[in-house]
């Protein structure tokens, strides 16, 4: 999956919100910024591995923030499952 997928998808951003989405089973894919502090993103990467959620990488926090449509950087973002009606 590419960063472009974040532009139109239902998503959450930030370590805490992404972690919650992964724990709830709502995340289909998680993006982590390679330049984010390893102490911050490593526990989320381990959580994703344990939950079977694929992890993609963005080169920078700025790139990830831009893909999410925000003007600040983001260490993590997740694409959420679409609700079934």
C-alpha atoms as a PDB file:
ATOM      1  CA  UNK A   1       0.000   0.000   0.000  1.00  0.00           C
ATOM      2  CA  UNK A   2       1.266   3.493  -0.730  1.00  0.00           C
ATOM      3  CA  UNK A   3       0.991   6.810   1.061  1.00  0.00           C
ATOM      4  CA  UNK A   4      -1.523   7.921  -1.575  1.00  0.00           C
ATOM      5  CA  UNK A   5      -4.025   5.508  -0.036  1.00  0.00           C
ATOM      6  CA  UNK A   6      -4.140   7.730   3.077  1.00  0.00           C
ATOM      7  CA  UNK A   7      -5.478  10.709   1.136  1.00  0.00           C
ATOM      8  CA  UNK A   8      -8.925   9.266   0.508  1.00  0.00           C
ATOM      9  CA  UNK A   9      -9.230   6.609   3.206  1.00  0.00           C
ATOM     10  CA  UNK A  10     -10.830   6.751   6.606  1.00  0.00           C
ATOM     11  CA  UNK A  11      -7.797   7.145   8.864  1.00  0.00           C
ATOM     12  CA  UNK A  12      -6.368   8.043  12.242  1.00  0.00           C
ATOM     13  CA  UNK A  13      -3.061   9.717  13.014  1.00  0.00           C
ATOM     14  CA  UNK A  14      -0.693   9.753  15.949  1.00  0.00           C
ATOM     15  CA  UNK A  15       0.827   6.998  18.051  1.00  0.00           C
ATOM     16  CA  UNK A  16      -1.986   6.848  20.649  1.00  0.00           C
ATOM     17  CA  UNK A  17      -4.871   6.852  18.159  1.00  0.00           C
ATOM     18  CA  UNK A  18      -3.191   4.326  15.859  1.00  0.00           C
ATOM     19  CA  UNK A  19      -2.409   2.054  18.825  1.00  0.00           C
ATOM     20  CA  UNK A  20      -6.048   2.167  19.916  1.00  0.00           C
ATOM     21  CA  UNK A  21      -7.233   1.337  16.394  1.00  0.00           C
ATOM     22  CA  UNK A  22      -4.855  -1.635  16.169  1.00  0.00           C
ATOM     23  CA  UNK A  23      -5.958  -2.959  19.578  1.00  0.00           C
ATOM     24  CA  UNK A  24      -9.649  -2.650  18.581  1.00  0.00           C
ATOM     25  CA  UNK A  25      -9.014  -4.458  15.295  1.00  0.00           C
ATOM     26  CA  UNK A  26     -10.038  -1.403  13.259  1.00  0.00           C
ATOM     27  CA  UNK A  27      -6.712  -0.826  11.444  1.00  0.00           C
ATOM     28  CA  UNK A  28      -6.124  -2.498   8.090  1.00  0.00           C
ATOM     29  CA  UNK A  29      -2.679  -0.992   7.500  1.00  0.00           C
ATOM     30  CA  UNK A  30      -0.310   1.130   9.593  1.00  0.00           C
ATOM     31  CA  UNK A  31       2.221   3.624   8.263  1.00  0.00           C
ATOM     32  CA  UNK A  32       5.290   4.539  10.344  1.00  0.00           C
ATOM     33  CA  UNK A  33       7.712   7.387   9.638  1.00  0.00           C
ATOM     34  CA  UNK A  34      11.321   6.223   9.392  1.00  0.00           C
ATOM     35  CA  UNK A  35      12.642   9.424  10.983  1.00  0.00           C
ATOM     36  CA  UNK A  36      10.404   9.184  14.065  1.00  0.00           C
ATOM     37  CA  UNK A  37      12.020   8.356  17.404  1.00  0.00           C
ATOM     38  CA  UNK A  38      12.507   4.581  17.579  1.00  0.00           C
ATOM     39  CA  UNK A  39      11.438   4.556  21.253  1.00  0.00           C
ATOM     40  CA  UNK A  40       8.070   5.894  20.130  1.00  0.00           C
ATOM     41  CA  UNK A  41       7.326   3.771  17.074  1.00  0.00           C
ATOM     42  CA  UNK A  42       8.965   0.464  18.049  1.00  0.00           C
ATOM     43  CA  UNK A  43       6.221  -0.565  20.538  1.00  0.00           C
ATOM     44  CA  UNK A  44       3.599   0.181  17.872  1.00  0.00           C
ATOM     45  CA  UNK A  45       5.498  -1.909  15.312  1.00  0.00           C
ATOM     46  CA  UNK A  46       5.578  -4.811  17.795  1.00  0.00           C
ATOM     47  CA  UNK A  47       1.854  -4.397  18.497  1.00  0.00           C
ATOM     48  CA  UNK A  48       1.092  -4.472  14.766  1.00  0.00           C
ATOM     49  CA  UNK A  49       3.150  -7.613  14.323  1.00  0.00           C
ATOM     50  CA  UNK A  50       1.320  -9.289  17.189  1.00  0.00           C
ATOM     51  CA  UNK A  51      -2.084  -8.293  15.787  1.00  0.00           C
ATOM     52  CA  UNK A  52      -1.192  -9.232  12.202  1.00  0.00           C
ATOM     53  CA  UNK A  53      -1.564  -5.679  10.880  1.00  0.00           C
ATOM     54  CA  UNK A  54       0.732  -4.886   7.932  1.00  0.00           C
ATOM     55  CA  UNK A  55       3.188  -2.017   8.439  1.00  0.00           C
ATOM     56  CA  UNK A  56       4.338   0.286   5.650  1.00  0.00           C
ATOM     57  CA  UNK A  57       7.032   2.923   5.938  1.00  0.00           C
ATOM     58  CA  UNK A  58       7.175   6.596   5.038  1.00  0.00           C
ATOM     59  CA  UNK A  59      10.564   8.273   4.646  1.00  0.00           C
ATOM     60  CA  UNK A  60       9.769  11.216   6.895  1.00  0.00           C
ATOM     61  CA  UNK A  61       7.181  12.418   9.378  1.00  0.00           C
ATOM     62  CA  UNK A  62       6.551  15.361   7.038  1.00  0.00           C
ATOM     63  CA  UNK A  63       5.749  12.984   4.159  1.00  0.00           C
ATOM     64  CA  UNK A  64       3.326  11.065   6.349  1.00  0.00           C
ATOM     65  CA  UNK A  65       1.670  14.254   7.587  1.00  0.00           C
ATOM     66  CA  UNK A  66       1.281  15.534   4.033  1.00  0.00           C
ATOM     67  CA  UNK A  67      -0.281  12.253   2.932  1.00  0.00           C
ATOM     68  CA  UNK A  68      -2.811  12.652   5.762  1.00  0.00           C
ATOM     69  CA  UNK A  69      -3.613  16.206   4.717  1.00  0.00           C
ATOM     70  CA  UNK A  70      -2.152  17.899   7.786  1.00  0.00           C
ATOM     71  CA  UNK A  71       0.487  20.609   7.932  1.00  0.00           C
ATOM     72  CA  UNK A  72       2.560  18.977  10.666  1.00  0.00           C
ATOM     73  CA  UNK A  73       4.488  15.737  10.706  1.00  0.00           C
ATOM     74  CA  UNK A  74       3.027  12.461  11.899  1.00  0.00           C
ATOM     75  CA  UNK A  75       4.954   9.530  13.365  1.00  0.00           C
ATOM     76  CA  UNK A  76       2.157   7.076  12.606  1.00  0.00           C
ATOM     77  CA  UNK A  77      -1.091   6.778  10.700  1.00  0.00           C
ATOM     78  CA  UNK A  78      -3.520   3.946  10.087  1.00  0.00           C
ATOM     79  CA  UNK A  79      -6.128   3.192   7.472  1.00  0.00           C
ATOM     80  CA  UNK A  80      -9.348   2.071   9.128  1.00  0.00           C
ATOM     81  CA  UNK A  81     -11.720  -0.691   8.107  1.00  0.00           C
ATOM     82  CA  UNK A  82     -14.852   0.480   6.367  1.00  0.00           C
ATOM     83  CA  UNK A  83     -17.959  -0.215   8.425  1.00  0.00           C
ATOM     84  CA  UNK A  84     -20.275  -2.838   6.981  1.00  0.00           C
ATOM     85  CA  UNK A  85     -23.838  -1.573   6.598  1.00  0.00           C
END
